[in-house]
Amino acid sequence: MAIDYLPILILIVVAFLFALFILGLTWVLGPKRPNKAKNEPIESGMIPFTSPRQRFSVQYYMVAMMFILFDVEVIFLYPWAVKMGQLKWFGIAEMAVFLLILVIGFVFVWKKGAFEWD
């Protein structure tokens, strides 16, 4: 039984060795001429006016998580919309429960003030 997993083990070892080979090759052959301009943390070609290690507001992360959460709902709505004809009333009821839970969560974060940018 363990012999059946030998090709997977070989693939993992080969991939690991290939990654190490490529990293070593770029380290050996890559240019090594650092200067002040290359070491600047530049984004979009603009010179930064604050430290790149500044802290972000928790609000930024909250908005990102809510975007992901409410974006995932669309992923669940699409297959339901495609197969709605086959699901009949059971599918409509299940989607109603799902959307009700989603709306309750939306109202909860709204009441908590997660959408306020003050």
PDB file of N, CA and C in Angstrom:
ATOM      1  N   MET A   1       0.810  -1.192   0.000  1.00  0.00           N
ATOM      2  CA  MET A   1       0.000   0.000   0.000  1.00  0.00           C
ATOM      3  C   MET A   1       0.859   1.265   0.000  1.00  0.00           C
ATOM      4  N   ALA A   2       1.946   1.276   0.755  1.00  0.00           N
ATOM      5  CA  ALA A   2       2.788   2.466   0.815  1.00  0.00           C
ATOM      6  C   ALA A   2       3.485   2.717  -0.515  1.00  0.00           C
ATOM      7  N   ILE A   3       3.728   1.676  -1.281  1.00  0.00           N
ATOM      8  CA  ILE A   3       4.388   1.822  -2.575  1.00  0.00           C
ATOM      9  C   ILE A   3       3.528   2.622  -3.555  1.00  0.00           C
ATOM     10  N   ASP A   4       2.223   2.661  -3.339  1.00  0.00           N
ATOM     11  CA  ASP A   4       1.333   3.428  -4.203  1.00  0.00           C
ATOM     12  C   ASP A   4       1.572   4.939  -4.083  1.00  0.00           C
ATOM     13  N   TYR A   5       2.104   5.356  -2.948  1.00  0.00           N
ATOM     14  CA  TYR A   5       2.366   6.778  -2.719  1.00  0.00           C
ATOM     15  C   TYR A   5       3.763   7.199  -3.149  1.00  0.00           C
ATOM     16  N   LEU A   6       4.561   6.279  -3.654  1.00  0.00           N
ATOM     17  CA  LEU A   6       5.923   6.590  -4.076  1.00  0.00           C
ATOM     18  C   LEU A   6       5.975   7.645  -5.183  1.00  0.00           C
ATOM     19  N   PRO A   7       5.132   7.611  -6.211  1.00  0.00           N
ATOM     20  CA  PRO A   7       5.188   8.682  -7.225  1.00  0.00           C
ATOM     21  C   PRO A   7       4.907  10.071  -6.652  1.00  0.00           C
ATOM     22  N   ILE A   8       4.012  10.152  -5.674  1.00  0.00           N
ATOM     23  CA  ILE A   8       3.721  11.452  -5.054  1.00  0.00           C
ATOM     24  C   ILE A   8       4.925  11.944  -4.273  1.00  0.00           C
ATOM     25  N   LEU A   9       5.584  11.035  -3.552  1.00  0.00           N
ATOM     26  CA  LEU A   9       6.784  11.396  -2.806  1.00  0.00           C
ATOM     27  C   LEU A   9       7.885  11.855  -3.754  1.00  0.00           C
ATOM     28  N   ILE A  10       8.055  11.157  -4.859  1.00  0.00           N
ATOM     29  CA  ILE A  10       9.062  11.549  -5.849  1.00  0.00           C
ATOM     30  C   ILE A  10       8.746  12.926  -6.412  1.00  0.00           C
ATOM     31  N   LEU A  11       7.483  13.196  -6.716  1.00  0.00           N
ATOM     32  CA  LEU A  11       7.076  14.505  -7.233  1.00  0.00           C
ATOM     33  C   LEU A  11       7.385  15.615  -6.235  1.00  0.00           C
ATOM     34  N   ILE A  12       7.095  15.379  -4.965  1.00  0.00           N
ATOM     35  CA  ILE A  12       7.361  16.388  -3.935  1.00  0.00           C
ATOM     36  C   ILE A  12       8.854  16.648  -3.809  1.00  0.00           C
ATOM     37  N   VAL A  13       9.655  15.600  -3.816  1.00  0.00           N
ATOM     38  CA  VAL A  13      11.106  15.754  -3.701  1.00  0.00           C
ATOM     39  C   VAL A  13      11.666  16.488  -4.917  1.00  0.00           C
ATOM     40  N   VAL A  14      11.220  16.123  -6.112  1.00  0.00           N
ATOM     41  CA  VAL A  14      11.700  16.780  -7.325  1.00  0.00           C
ATOM     42  C   VAL A  14      11.296  18.260  -7.328  1.00  0.00           C
ATOM     43  N   ALA A  15      10.061  18.560  -6.940  1.00  0.00           N
ATOM     44  CA  ALA A  15       9.610  19.960  -6.895  1.00  0.00           C
ATOM     45  C   ALA A  15      10.433  20.757  -5.888  1.00  0.00           C
ATOM     46  N   PHE A  16      10.717  20.174  -4.727  1.00  0.00           N
ATOM     47  CA  PHE A  16      11.505  20.854  -3.703  1.00  0.00           C
ATOM     48  C   PHE A  16      12.926  21.106  -4.203  1.00  0.00           C
ATOM     49  N   LEU A  17      13.538  20.098  -4.813  1.00  0.00           N
ATOM     50  CA  LEU A  17      14.890  20.255  -5.333  1.00  0.00           C
ATOM     51  C   LEU A  17      14.936  21.271  -6.473  1.00  0.00           C
ATOM     52  N   PHE A  18      13.918  21.273  -7.321  1.00  0.00           N
ATOM     53  CA  PHE A  18      13.860  22.245  -8.410  1.00  0.00           C
ATOM     54  C   PHE A  18      13.743  23.665  -7.862  1.00  0.00           C
ATOM     55  N   ALA A  19      12.924  23.844  -6.844  1.00  0.00           N
ATOM     56  CA  ALA A  19      12.778  25.171  -6.236  1.00  0.00           C
ATOM     57  C   ALA A  19      14.102  25.627  -5.621  1.00  0.00           C
ATOM     58  N   LEU A  20      14.777  24.727  -4.929  1.00  0.00           N
ATOM     59  CA  LEU A  20      16.074  25.089  -4.357  1.00  0.00           C
ATOM     60  C   LEU A  20      17.093  25.412  -5.449  1.00  0.00           C
ATOM     61  N   PHE A  21      17.065  24.651  -6.538  1.00  0.00           N
ATOM     62  CA  PHE A  21      17.979  24.893  -7.648  1.00  0.00           C
ATOM     63  C   PHE A  21      17.735  26.270  -8.258  1.00  0.00           C
ATOM     64  N   ILE A  22      16.491  26.617  -8.503  1.00  0.00           N
ATOM     65  CA  ILE A  22      16.165  27.916  -9.098  1.00  0.00           C
ATOM     66  C   ILE A  22      16.545  29.056  -8.158  1.00  0.00           C
ATOM     67  N   LEU A  23      16.256  28.911  -6.866  1.00  0.00           N
ATOM     68  CA  LEU A  23      16.632  29.954  -5.908  1.00  0.00           C
ATOM     69  C   LEU A  23      18.146  30.121  -5.850  1.00  0.00           C
ATOM     70  N   GLY A  24      18.872  29.017  -5.833  1.00  0.00           N
ATOM     71  CA  GLY A  24      20.327  29.080  -5.821  1.00  0.00           C
ATOM     72  C   GLY A  24      20.877  29.693  -7.093  1.00  0.00           C
ATOM     73  N   LEU A  25      20.287  29.352  -8.227  1.00  0.00           N
ATOM     74  CA  LEU A  25      20.730  29.884  -9.508  1.00  0.00           C
ATOM     75  C   LEU A  25      20.534  31.392  -9.582  1.00  0.00           C
ATOM     76  N   THR A  26      19.397  31.882  -9.129  1.00  0.00           N
ATOM     77  CA  THR A  26      19.174  33.331  -9.142  1.00  0.00           C
ATOM     78  C   THR A  26      20.085  34.041  -8.152  1.00  0.00           C
ATOM     79  N   TRP A  27      20.406  33.390  -7.057  1.00  0.00           N
ATOM     80  CA  TRP A  27      21.310  33.996  -6.075  1.00  0.00           C
ATOM     81  C   TRP A  27      22.723  34.106  -6.644  1.00  0.00           C
ATOM     82  N   VAL A  28      23.149  33.079  -7.384  1.00  0.00           N
ATOM     83  CA  VAL A  28      24.495  33.075  -7.950  1.00  0.00           C
ATOM     84  C   VAL A  28      24.589  34.003  -9.163  1.00  0.00           C
ATOM     85  N   LEU A  29      23.632  33.930 -10.071  1.00  0.00           N
ATOM     86  CA  LEU A  29      23.714  34.670 -11.327  1.00  0.00           C
ATOM     87  C   LEU A  29      23.086  36.061 -11.281  1.00  0.00           C
ATOM     88  N   GLY A  30      22.301  36.347 -10.261  1.00  0.00           N
ATOM     89  CA  GLY A  30      21.592  37.618 -10.193  1.00  0.00           C
ATOM     90  C   GLY A  30      22.512  38.793  -9.947  1.00  0.00           C
ATOM     91  N   PRO A  31      22.101  40.000 -10.377  1.00  0.00           N
ATOM     92  CA  PRO A  31      22.937  41.187 -10.158  1.00  0.00           C
ATOM     93  C   PRO A  31      22.995  41.550  -8.678  1.00  0.00           C
ATOM     94  N   LYS A  32      24.183  41.993  -8.278  1.00  0.00           N
ATOM     95  CA  LYS A  32      24.380  42.357  -6.867  1.00  0.00           C
ATOM     96  C   LYS A  32      24.989  43.754  -6.784  1.00  0.00           C
ATOM     97  N   ARG A  33      24.242  44.746  -7.290  1.00  0.00           N
ATOM     98  CA  ARG A  33      24.718  46.125  -7.243  1.00  0.00           C
ATOM     99  C   ARG A  33      23.695  46.994  -6.520  1.00  0.00           C
ATOM    100  N   PRO A  34      23.583  46.848  -5.202  1.00  0.00           N
ATOM    101  CA  PRO A  34      22.595  47.667  -4.496  1.00  0.00           C
ATOM    102  C   PRO A  34      23.028  49.135  -4.469  1.00  0.00           C
ATOM    103  N   ASN A  35      22.036  49.993  -4.531  1.00  0.00           N
ATOM    104  CA  ASN A  35      22.292  51.413  -4.350  1.00  0.00           C
ATOM    105  C   ASN A  35      21.093  52.015  -3.621  1.00  0.00           C
ATOM    106  N   LYS A  36      21.180  53.311  -3.351  1.00  0.00           N
ATOM    107  CA  LYS A  36      20.131  53.949  -2.557  1.00  0.00           C
ATOM    108  C   LYS A  36      18.775  53.897  -3.255  1.00  0.00           C
ATOM    109  N   ALA A  37      18.746  54.100  -4.556  1.00  0.00           N
ATOM    110  CA  ALA A  37      17.482  54.114  -5.294  1.00  0.00           C
ATOM    111  C   ALA A  37      16.831  52.735  -5.312  1.00  0.00           C
ATOM    112  N   LYS A  38      17.632  51.680  -5.417  1.00  0.00           N
ATOM    113  CA  LYS A  38      17.074  50.328  -5.449  1.00  0.00           C
ATOM    114  C   LYS A  38      16.539  49.900  -4.088  1.00  0.00           C
ATOM    115  N   ASN A  39      17.101  50.433  -3.039  1.00  0.00           N
ATOM    116  CA  ASN A  39      16.673  50.039  -1.694  1.00  0.00           C
ATOM    117  C   ASN A  39      15.496  50.858  -1.171  1.00  0.00           C
ATOM    118  N   GLU A  40      15.029  51.846  -1.922  1.00  0.00           N
ATOM    119  CA  GLU A  40      13.870  52.648  -1.513  1.00  0.00           C
ATOM    120  C   GLU A  40      12.582  51.832  -1.643  1.00  0.00           C
ATOM    121  N   PRO A  41      11.729  51.878  -0.635  1.00  0.00           N
ATOM    122  CA  PRO A  41      10.426  51.205  -0.753  1.00  0.00           C
ATOM    123  C   PRO A  41       9.462  52.068  -1.564  1.00  0.00           C
ATOM    124  N   ILE A  42       9.479  51.918  -2.879  1.00  0.00           N
ATOM    125  CA  ILE A  42       8.669  52.740  -3.766  1.00  0.00           C
ATOM    126  C   ILE A  42       7.474  51.934  -4.242  1.00  0.00           C
ATOM    127  N   GLU A  43       6.324  52.569  -4.235  1.00  0.00           N
ATOM    128  CA  GLU A  43       5.106  51.939  -4.719  1.00  0.00           C
ATOM    129  C   GLU A  43       4.497  52.858  -5.765  1.00  0.00           C
ATOM    130  N   SER A  44       4.211  52.349  -6.921  1.00  0.00           N
ATOM    131  CA  SER A  44       3.610  53.100  -8.027  1.00  0.00           C
ATOM    132  C   SER A  44       4.510  54.233  -8.509  1.00  0.00           C
ATOM    133  N   GLY A  45       5.805  54.131  -8.298  1.00  0.00           N
ATOM    134  CA  GLY A  45       6.719  55.139  -8.793  1.00  0.00           C
ATOM    135  C   GLY A  45       6.779  56.409  -7.981  1.00  0.00           C
ATOM    136  N   MET A  46       6.074  56.457  -6.855  1.00  0.00           N
ATOM    137  CA  MET A  46       6.060  57.663  -6.029  1.00  0.00           C
ATOM    138  C   MET A  46       6.952  57.454  -4.808  1.00  0.00           C
ATOM    139  N   ILE A  47       7.722  58.455  -4.488  1.00  0.00           N
ATOM    140  CA  ILE A  47       8.567  58.392  -3.301  1.00  0.00           C
ATOM    141  C   ILE A  47       7.668  58.443  -2.064  1.00  0.00           C
ATOM    142  N   PRO A  48       7.818  57.507  -1.116  1.00  0.00           N
ATOM    143  CA  PRO A  48       6.952  57.512   0.073  1.00  0.00           C
ATOM    144  C   PRO A  48       7.293  58.680   0.996  1.00  0.00           C
ATOM    145  N   PHE A  49       6.263  59.233   1.626  1.00  0.00           N
ATOM    146  CA  PHE A  49       6.483  60.333   2.563  1.00  0.00           C
ATOM    147  C   PHE A  49       6.280  59.904   4.004  1.00  0.00           C
ATOM    148  N   THR A  50       5.883  58.641   4.227  1.00  0.00           N
ATOM    149  CA  THR A  50       5.775  58.099   5.581  1.00  0.00           C
ATOM    150  C   THR A  50       6.498  56.761   5.630  1.00  0.00           C
ATOM    151  N   SER A  51       6.628  56.243   6.806  1.00  0.00           N
ATOM    152  CA  SER A  51       7.296  54.952   6.983  1.00  0.00           C
ATOM    153  C   SER A  51       6.433  53.829   6.399  1.00  0.00           C
ATOM    154  N   PRO A  52       7.044  52.875   5.696  1.00  0.00           N
ATOM    155  CA  PRO A  52       6.262  51.761   5.164  1.00  0.00           C
ATOM    156  C   PRO A  52       5.811  50.790   6.250  1.00  0.00           C
ATOM    157  N   ARG A  53       6.316  50.966   7.451  1.00  0.00           N
ATOM    158  CA  ARG A  53       5.966  50.061   8.539  1.00  0.00           C
ATOM    159  C   ARG A  53       4.914  50.660   9.488  1.00  0.00           C
ATOM    160  N   GLN A  54       4.144  51.612   8.988  1.00  0.00           N
ATOM    161  CA  GLN A  54       3.119  52.217   9.823  1.00  0.00           C
ATOM    162  C   GLN A  54       1.956  51.248  10.038  1.00  0.00           C
ATOM    163  N   ARG A  55       1.258  51.431  11.114  1.00  0.00           N
ATOM    164  CA  ARG A  55       0.122  50.564  11.433  1.00  0.00           C
ATOM    165  C   ARG A  55      -1.124  51.038  10.696  1.00  0.00           C
ATOM    166  N   PHE A  56      -1.915  50.047  10.260  1.00  0.00           N
ATOM    167  CA  PHE A  56      -3.187  50.346   9.625  1.00  0.00           C
ATOM    168  C   PHE A  56      -4.287  50.272  10.657  1.00  0.00           C
ATOM    169  N   SER A  57      -5.328  51.002  10.416  1.00  0.00           N
ATOM    170  CA  SER A  57      -6.480  50.978  11.298  1.00  0.00           C
ATOM    171  C   SER A  57      -7.165  49.615  11.218  1.00  0.00           C
ATOM    172  N   VAL A  58      -7.754  49.200  12.304  1.00  0.00           N
ATOM    173  CA  VAL A  58      -8.496  47.942  12.320  1.00  0.00           C
ATOM    174  C   VAL A  58      -9.667  48.023  11.342  1.00  0.00           C
ATOM    175  N   GLN A  59     -10.172  49.219  11.125  1.00  0.00           N
ATOM    176  CA  GLN A  59     -11.286  49.429  10.202  1.00  0.00           C
ATOM    177  C   GLN A  59     -10.934  48.933   8.799  1.00  0.00           C
ATOM    178  N   TYR A  60      -9.691  49.110   8.390  1.00  0.00           N
ATOM    179  CA  TYR A  60      -9.248  48.654   7.082  1.00  0.00           C
ATOM    180  C   TYR A  60      -9.440  47.138   6.968  1.00  0.00           C
ATOM    181  N   TYR A  61      -9.033  46.406   7.980  1.00  0.00           N
ATOM    182  CA  TYR A  61      -9.157  44.948   7.961  1.00  0.00           C
ATOM    183  C   TYR A  61     -10.612  44.509   8.065  1.00  0.00           C
ATOM    184  N   MET A  62     -11.407  45.251   8.819  1.00  0.00           N
ATOM    185  CA  MET A  62     -12.827  44.918   8.929  1.00  0.00           C
ATOM    186  C   MET A  62     -13.524  45.034   7.573  1.00  0.00           C
ATOM    187  N   VAL A  63     -13.226  46.102   6.853  1.00  0.00           N
ATOM    188  CA  VAL A  63     -13.833  46.287   5.535  1.00  0.00           C
ATOM    189  C   VAL A  63     -13.372  45.183   4.591  1.00  0.00           C
ATOM    190  N   ALA A  64     -12.108  44.807   4.670  1.00  0.00           N
ATOM    191  CA  ALA A  64     -11.601  43.738   3.810  1.00  0.00           C
ATOM    192  C   ALA A  64     -12.301  42.413   4.113  1.00  0.00           C
ATOM    193  N   MET A  65     -12.481  42.104   5.390  1.00  0.00           N
ATOM    194  CA  MET A  65     -13.158  40.846   5.755  1.00  0.00           C
ATOM    195  C   MET A  65     -14.621  40.864   5.347  1.00  0.00           C
ATOM    196  N   MET A  66     -15.284  42.008   5.513  1.00  0.00           N
ATOM    197  CA  MET A  66     -16.690  42.078   5.103  1.00  0.00           C
ATOM    198  C   MET A  66     -16.825  41.980   3.591  1.00  0.00           C
ATOM    199  N   PHE A  67     -15.867  42.558   2.863  1.00  0.00           N
ATOM    200  CA  PHE A  67     -15.904  42.428   1.412  1.00  0.00           C
ATOM    201  C   PHE A  67     -15.796  40.964   1.000  1.00  0.00           C
ATOM    202  N   ILE A  68     -14.878  40.245   1.617  1.00  0.00           N
ATOM    203  CA  ILE A  68     -14.731  38.819   1.308  1.00  0.00           C
ATOM    204  C   ILE A  68     -15.987  38.060   1.684  1.00  0.00           C
ATOM    205  N   LEU A  69     -16.530  38.348   2.850  1.00  0.00           N
ATOM    206  CA  LEU A  69     -17.730  37.650   3.308  1.00  0.00           C
ATOM    207  C   LEU A  69     -18.900  37.868   2.353  1.00  0.00           C
ATOM    208  N   PHE A  70     -19.159  39.109   1.997  1.00  0.00           N
ATOM    209  CA  PHE A  70     -20.303  39.394   1.136  1.00  0.00           C
ATOM    210  C   PHE A  70     -20.003  39.077  -0.326  1.00  0.00           C
ATOM    211  N   ASP A  71     -18.751  38.930  -0.675  1.00  0.00           N
ATOM    212  CA  ASP A  71     -18.395  38.487  -2.013  1.00  0.00           C
ATOM    213  C   ASP A  71     -18.596  36.978  -2.147  1.00  0.00           C
ATOM    214  N   VAL A  72     -18.355  36.252  -1.084  1.00  0.00           N
ATOM    215  CA  VAL A  72     -18.551  34.797  -1.101  1.00  0.00           C
ATOM    216  C   VAL A  72     -20.033  34.465  -1.254  1.00  0.00           C
ATOM    217  N   GLU A  73     -20.888  35.337  -0.800  1.00  0.00           N
ATOM    218  CA  GLU A  73     -22.323  35.079  -0.967  1.00  0.00           C
ATOM    219  C   GLU A  73     -22.695  34.977  -2.441  1.00  0.00           C
ATOM    220  N   VAL A  74     -22.042  35.752  -3.277  1.00  0.00           N
ATOM    221  CA  VAL A  74     -22.318  35.682  -4.714  1.00  0.00           C
ATOM    222  C   VAL A  74     -21.895  34.332  -5.262  1.00  0.00           C
ATOM    223  N   ILE A  75     -20.827  33.796  -4.734  1.00  0.00           N
ATOM    224  CA  ILE A  75     -20.375  32.468  -5.155  1.00  0.00           C
ATOM    225  C   ILE A  75     -21.433  31.419  -4.819  1.00  0.00           C
ATOM    226  N   PHE A  76     -22.116  31.579  -3.716  1.00  0.00           N
ATOM    227  CA  PHE A  76     -23.180  30.634  -3.347  1.00  0.00           C
ATOM    228  C   PHE A  76     -24.474  30.902  -4.118  1.00  0.00           C
ATOM    229  N   LEU A  77     -24.705  32.133  -4.503  1.00  0.00           N
ATOM    230  CA  LEU A  77     -25.926  32.456  -5.240  1.00  0.00           C
ATOM    231  C   LEU A  77     -25.881  31.982  -6.686  1.00  0.00           C
ATOM    232  N   TYR A  78     -24.719  31.971  -7.297  1.00  0.00           N
ATOM    233  CA  TYR A  78     -24.632  31.622  -8.712  1.00  0.00           C
ATOM    234  C   TYR A  78     -25.070  30.181  -9.007  1.00  0.00           C
ATOM    235  N   PRO A  79     -24.539  29.166  -8.311  1.00  0.00           N
ATOM    236  CA  PRO A  79     -25.006  27.804  -8.614  1.00  0.00           C
ATOM    237  C   PRO A  79     -26.487  27.615  -8.312  1.00  0.00           C
ATOM    238  N   TRP A  80     -26.973  28.299  -7.291  1.00  0.00           N
ATOM    239  CA  TRP A  80     -28.398  28.203  -6.975  1.00  0.00           C
ATOM    240  C   TRP A  80     -29.224  28.767  -8.118  1.00  0.00           C
ATOM    241  N   ALA A  81     -28.785  29.898  -8.681  1.00  0.00           N
ATOM    242  CA  ALA A  81     -29.527  30.510  -9.775  1.00  0.00           C
ATOM    243  C   ALA A  81     -29.504  29.627 -11.018  1.00  0.00           C
ATOM    244  N   VAL A  82     -28.408  28.924 -11.242  1.00  0.00           N
ATOM    245  CA  VAL A  82     -28.305  28.058 -12.409  1.00  0.00           C
ATOM    246  C   VAL A  82     -29.222  26.849 -12.278  1.00  0.00           C
ATOM    247  N   LYS A  83     -29.299  26.256 -11.100  1.00  0.00           N
ATOM    248  CA  LYS A  83     -30.085  25.035 -10.881  1.00  0.00           C
ATOM    249  C   LYS A  83     -31.436  25.293 -10.222  1.00  0.00           C
ATOM    250  N   MET A  84     -31.896  26.535 -10.223  1.00  0.00           N
ATOM    251  CA  MET A  84     -33.138  26.873  -9.531  1.00  0.00           C
ATOM    252  C   MET A  84     -34.333  26.088 -10.071  1.00  0.00           C
ATOM    253  N   GLY A  85     -34.374  25.833 -11.375  1.00  0.00           N
ATOM    254  CA  GLY A  85     -35.490  25.096 -11.962  1.00  0.00           C
ATOM    255  C   GLY A  85     -35.588  23.673 -11.447  1.00  0.00           C
ATOM    256  N   GLN A  86     -34.455  23.046 -11.152  1.00  0.00           N
ATOM    257  CA  GLN A  86     -34.456  21.676 -10.651  1.00  0.00           C
ATOM    258  C   GLN A  86     -34.709  21.610  -9.151  1.00  0.00           C
ATOM    259  N   LEU A  87     -34.376  22.658  -8.432  1.00  0.00           N
ATOM    260  CA  LEU A  87     -34.512  22.638  -6.975  1.00  0.00           C
ATOM    261  C   LEU A  87     -35.940  22.902  -6.506  1.00  0.00           C
ATOM    262  N   LYS A  88     -36.715  23.558  -7.314  1.00  0.00           N
ATOM    263  CA  LYS A  88     -38.121  23.867  -7.019  1.00  0.00           C
ATOM    264  C   LYS A  88     -38.242  24.668  -5.721  1.00  0.00           C
ATOM    265  N   TRP A  89     -39.279  24.384  -4.927  1.00  0.00           N
ATOM    266  CA  TRP A  89     -39.559  25.148  -3.711  1.00  0.00           C
ATOM    267  C   TRP A  89     -38.544  24.883  -2.609  1.00  0.00           C
ATOM    268  N   PHE A  90     -37.979  23.682  -2.589  1.00  0.00           N
ATOM    269  CA  PHE A  90     -36.965  23.373  -1.573  1.00  0.00           C
ATOM    270  C   PHE A  90     -35.755  24.293  -1.741  1.00  0.00           C
ATOM    271  N   GLY A  91     -35.316  24.499  -2.978  1.00  0.00           N
ATOM    272  CA  GLY A  91     -34.184  25.380  -3.247  1.00  0.00           C
ATOM    273  C   GLY A  91     -34.470  26.820  -2.893  1.00  0.00           C
ATOM    274  N   ILE A  92     -35.696  27.252  -3.163  1.00  0.00           N
ATOM    275  CA  ILE A  92     -36.075  28.632  -2.810  1.00  0.00           C
ATOM    276  C   ILE A  92     -36.075  28.809  -1.291  1.00  0.00           C
ATOM    277  N   ALA A  93     -36.598  27.811  -0.575  1.00  0.00           N
ATOM    278  CA  ALA A  93     -36.628  27.894   0.888  1.00  0.00           C
ATOM    279  C   ALA A  93     -35.213  27.891   1.468  1.00  0.00           C
ATOM    280  N   GLU A  94     -34.347  27.048   0.941  1.00  0.00           N
ATOM    281  CA  GLU A  94     -32.974  27.005   1.441  1.00  0.00           C
ATOM    282  C   GLU A  94     -32.243  28.322   1.174  1.00  0.00           C
ATOM    283  N   MET A  95     -32.467  28.882  -0.002  1.00  0.00           N
ATOM    284  CA  MET A  95     -31.812  30.149  -0.319  1.00  0.00           C
ATOM    285  C   MET A  95     -32.393  31.274   0.520  1.00  0.00           C
ATOM    286  N   ALA A  96     -33.674  31.214   0.834  1.00  0.00           N
ATOM    287  CA  ALA A  96     -34.285  32.222   1.702  1.00  0.00           C
ATOM    288  C   ALA A  96     -33.656  32.170   3.091  1.00  0.00           C
ATOM    289  N   VAL A  97     -33.423  30.974   3.600  1.00  0.00           N
ATOM    290  CA  VAL A  97     -32.768  30.831   4.914  1.00  0.00           C
ATOM    291  C   VAL A  97     -31.350  31.395   4.845  1.00  0.00           C
ATOM    292  N   PHE A  98     -30.621  31.053   3.780  1.00  0.00           N
ATOM    293  CA  PHE A  98     -29.255  31.549   3.619  1.00  0.00           C
ATOM    294  C   PHE A  98     -29.231  33.073   3.558  1.00  0.00           C
ATOM    295  N   LEU A  99     -30.115  33.677   2.756  1.00  0.00           N
ATOM    296  CA  LEU A  99     -30.147  35.125   2.647  1.00  0.00           C
ATOM    297  C   LEU A  99     -30.618  35.794   3.929  1.00  0.00           C
ATOM    298  N   LEU A 100     -31.504  35.144   4.660  1.00  0.00           N
ATOM    299  CA  LEU A 100     -31.939  35.688   5.949  1.00  0.00           C
ATOM    300  C   LEU A 100     -30.766  35.749   6.928  1.00  0.00           C
ATOM    301  N   ILE A 101     -29.997  34.678   6.990  1.00  0.00           N
ATOM    302  CA  ILE A 101     -28.814  34.673   7.865  1.00  0.00           C
ATOM    303  C   ILE A 101     -27.821  35.734   7.410  1.00  0.00           C
ATOM    304  N   LEU A 102     -27.658  35.893   6.129  1.00  0.00           N
ATOM    305  CA  LEU A 102     -26.750  36.897   5.595  1.00  0.00           C
ATOM    306  C   LEU A 102     -27.219  38.313   5.928  1.00  0.00           C
ATOM    307  N   VAL A 103     -28.497  38.568   5.790  1.00  0.00           N
ATOM    308  CA  VAL A 103     -29.040  39.893   6.106  1.00  0.00           C
ATOM    309  C   VAL A 103     -28.925  40.171   7.604  1.00  0.00           C
ATOM    310  N   ILE A 104     -29.152  39.166   8.426  1.00  0.00           N
ATOM    311  CA  ILE A 104     -28.989  39.354   9.878  1.00  0.00           C
ATOM    312  C   ILE A 104     -27.542  39.734  10.195  1.00  0.00           C
ATOM    313  N   GLY A 105     -26.586  39.065   9.560  1.00  0.00           N
ATOM    314  CA  GLY A 105     -25.179  39.422   9.759  1.00  0.00           C
ATOM    315  C   GLY A 105     -24.873  40.813   9.269  1.00  0.00           C
ATOM    316  N   PHE A 106     -25.445  41.193   8.129  1.00  0.00           N
ATOM    317  CA  PHE A 106     -25.236  42.527   7.578  1.00  0.00           C
ATOM    318  C   PHE A 106     -25.789  43.596   8.521  1.00  0.00           C
ATOM    319  N   VAL A 107     -26.980  43.379   9.036  1.00  0.00           N
ATOM    320  CA  VAL A 107     -27.573  44.335   9.970  1.00  0.00           C
ATOM    321  C   VAL A 107     -26.747  44.405  11.252  1.00  0.00           C
ATOM    322  N   PHE A 108     -26.233  43.272  11.716  1.00  0.00           N
ATOM    323  CA  PHE A 108     -25.416  43.238  12.926  1.00  0.00           C
ATOM    324  C   PHE A 108     -24.169  44.103  12.774  1.00  0.00           C
ATOM    325  N   VAL A 109     -23.435  43.925  11.670  1.00  0.00           N
ATOM    326  CA  VAL A 109     -22.223  44.724  11.499  1.00  0.00           C
ATOM    327  C   VAL A 109     -22.556  46.189  11.228  1.00  0.00           C
ATOM    328  N   TRP A 110     -23.706  46.433  10.635  1.00  0.00           N
ATOM    329  CA  TRP A 110     -24.137  47.813  10.421  1.00  0.00           C
ATOM    330  C   TRP A 110     -24.428  48.490  11.756  1.00  0.00           C
ATOM    331  N   LYS A 111     -25.142  47.784  12.653  1.00  0.00           N
ATOM    332  CA  LYS A 111     -25.468  48.357  13.973  1.00  0.00           C
ATOM    333  C   LYS A 111     -24.218  48.518  14.829  1.00  0.00           C
ATOM    334  N   LYS A 112     -23.232  47.655  14.634  1.00  0.00           N
ATOM    335  CA  LYS A 112     -21.979  47.767  15.394  1.00  0.00           C
ATOM    336  C   LYS A 112     -21.124  48.937  14.912  1.00  0.00           C
ATOM    337  N   GLY A 113     -21.503  49.522  13.769  1.00  0.00           N
ATOM    338  CA  GLY A 113     -20.768  50.666  13.248  1.00  0.00           C
ATOM    339  C   GLY A 113     -19.566  50.293  12.411  1.00  0.00           C
ATOM    340  N   ALA A 114     -19.561  49.099  11.860  1.00  0.00           N
ATOM    341  CA  ALA A 114     -18.414  48.661  11.074  1.00  0.00           C
ATOM    342  C   ALA A 114     -18.286  49.396   9.753  1.00  0.00           C
ATOM    343  N   PHE A 115     -19.352  50.023   9.290  1.00  0.00           N
ATOM    344  CA  PHE A 115     -19.308  50.750   8.034  1.00  0.00           C
ATOM    345  C   PHE A 115     -19.002  52.239   8.223  1.00  0.00           C
ATOM    346  N   GLU A 116     -18.783  52.674   9.448  1.00  0.00           N
ATOM    347  CA  GLU A 116     -18.479  54.075   9.740  1.00  0.00           C
ATOM    348  C   GLU A 116     -16.981  54.315   9.574  1.00  0.00           C
ATOM    349  N   TRP A 117     -16.616  55.413   8.948  1.00  0.00           N
ATOM    350  CA  TRP A 117     -15.208  55.732   8.735  1.00  0.00           C
ATOM    351  C   TRP A 117     -14.743  56.925   9.560  1.00  0.00           C
ATOM    352  N   ASP A 118     -15.299  57.117  10.693  1.00  0.00           N
ATOM    353  CA  ASP A 118     -14.939  58.270  11.531  1.00  0.00           C
ATOM    354  C   ASP A 118     -13.600  58.078  12.178  1.00  0.00           C
TER     355      ASP A 118
END
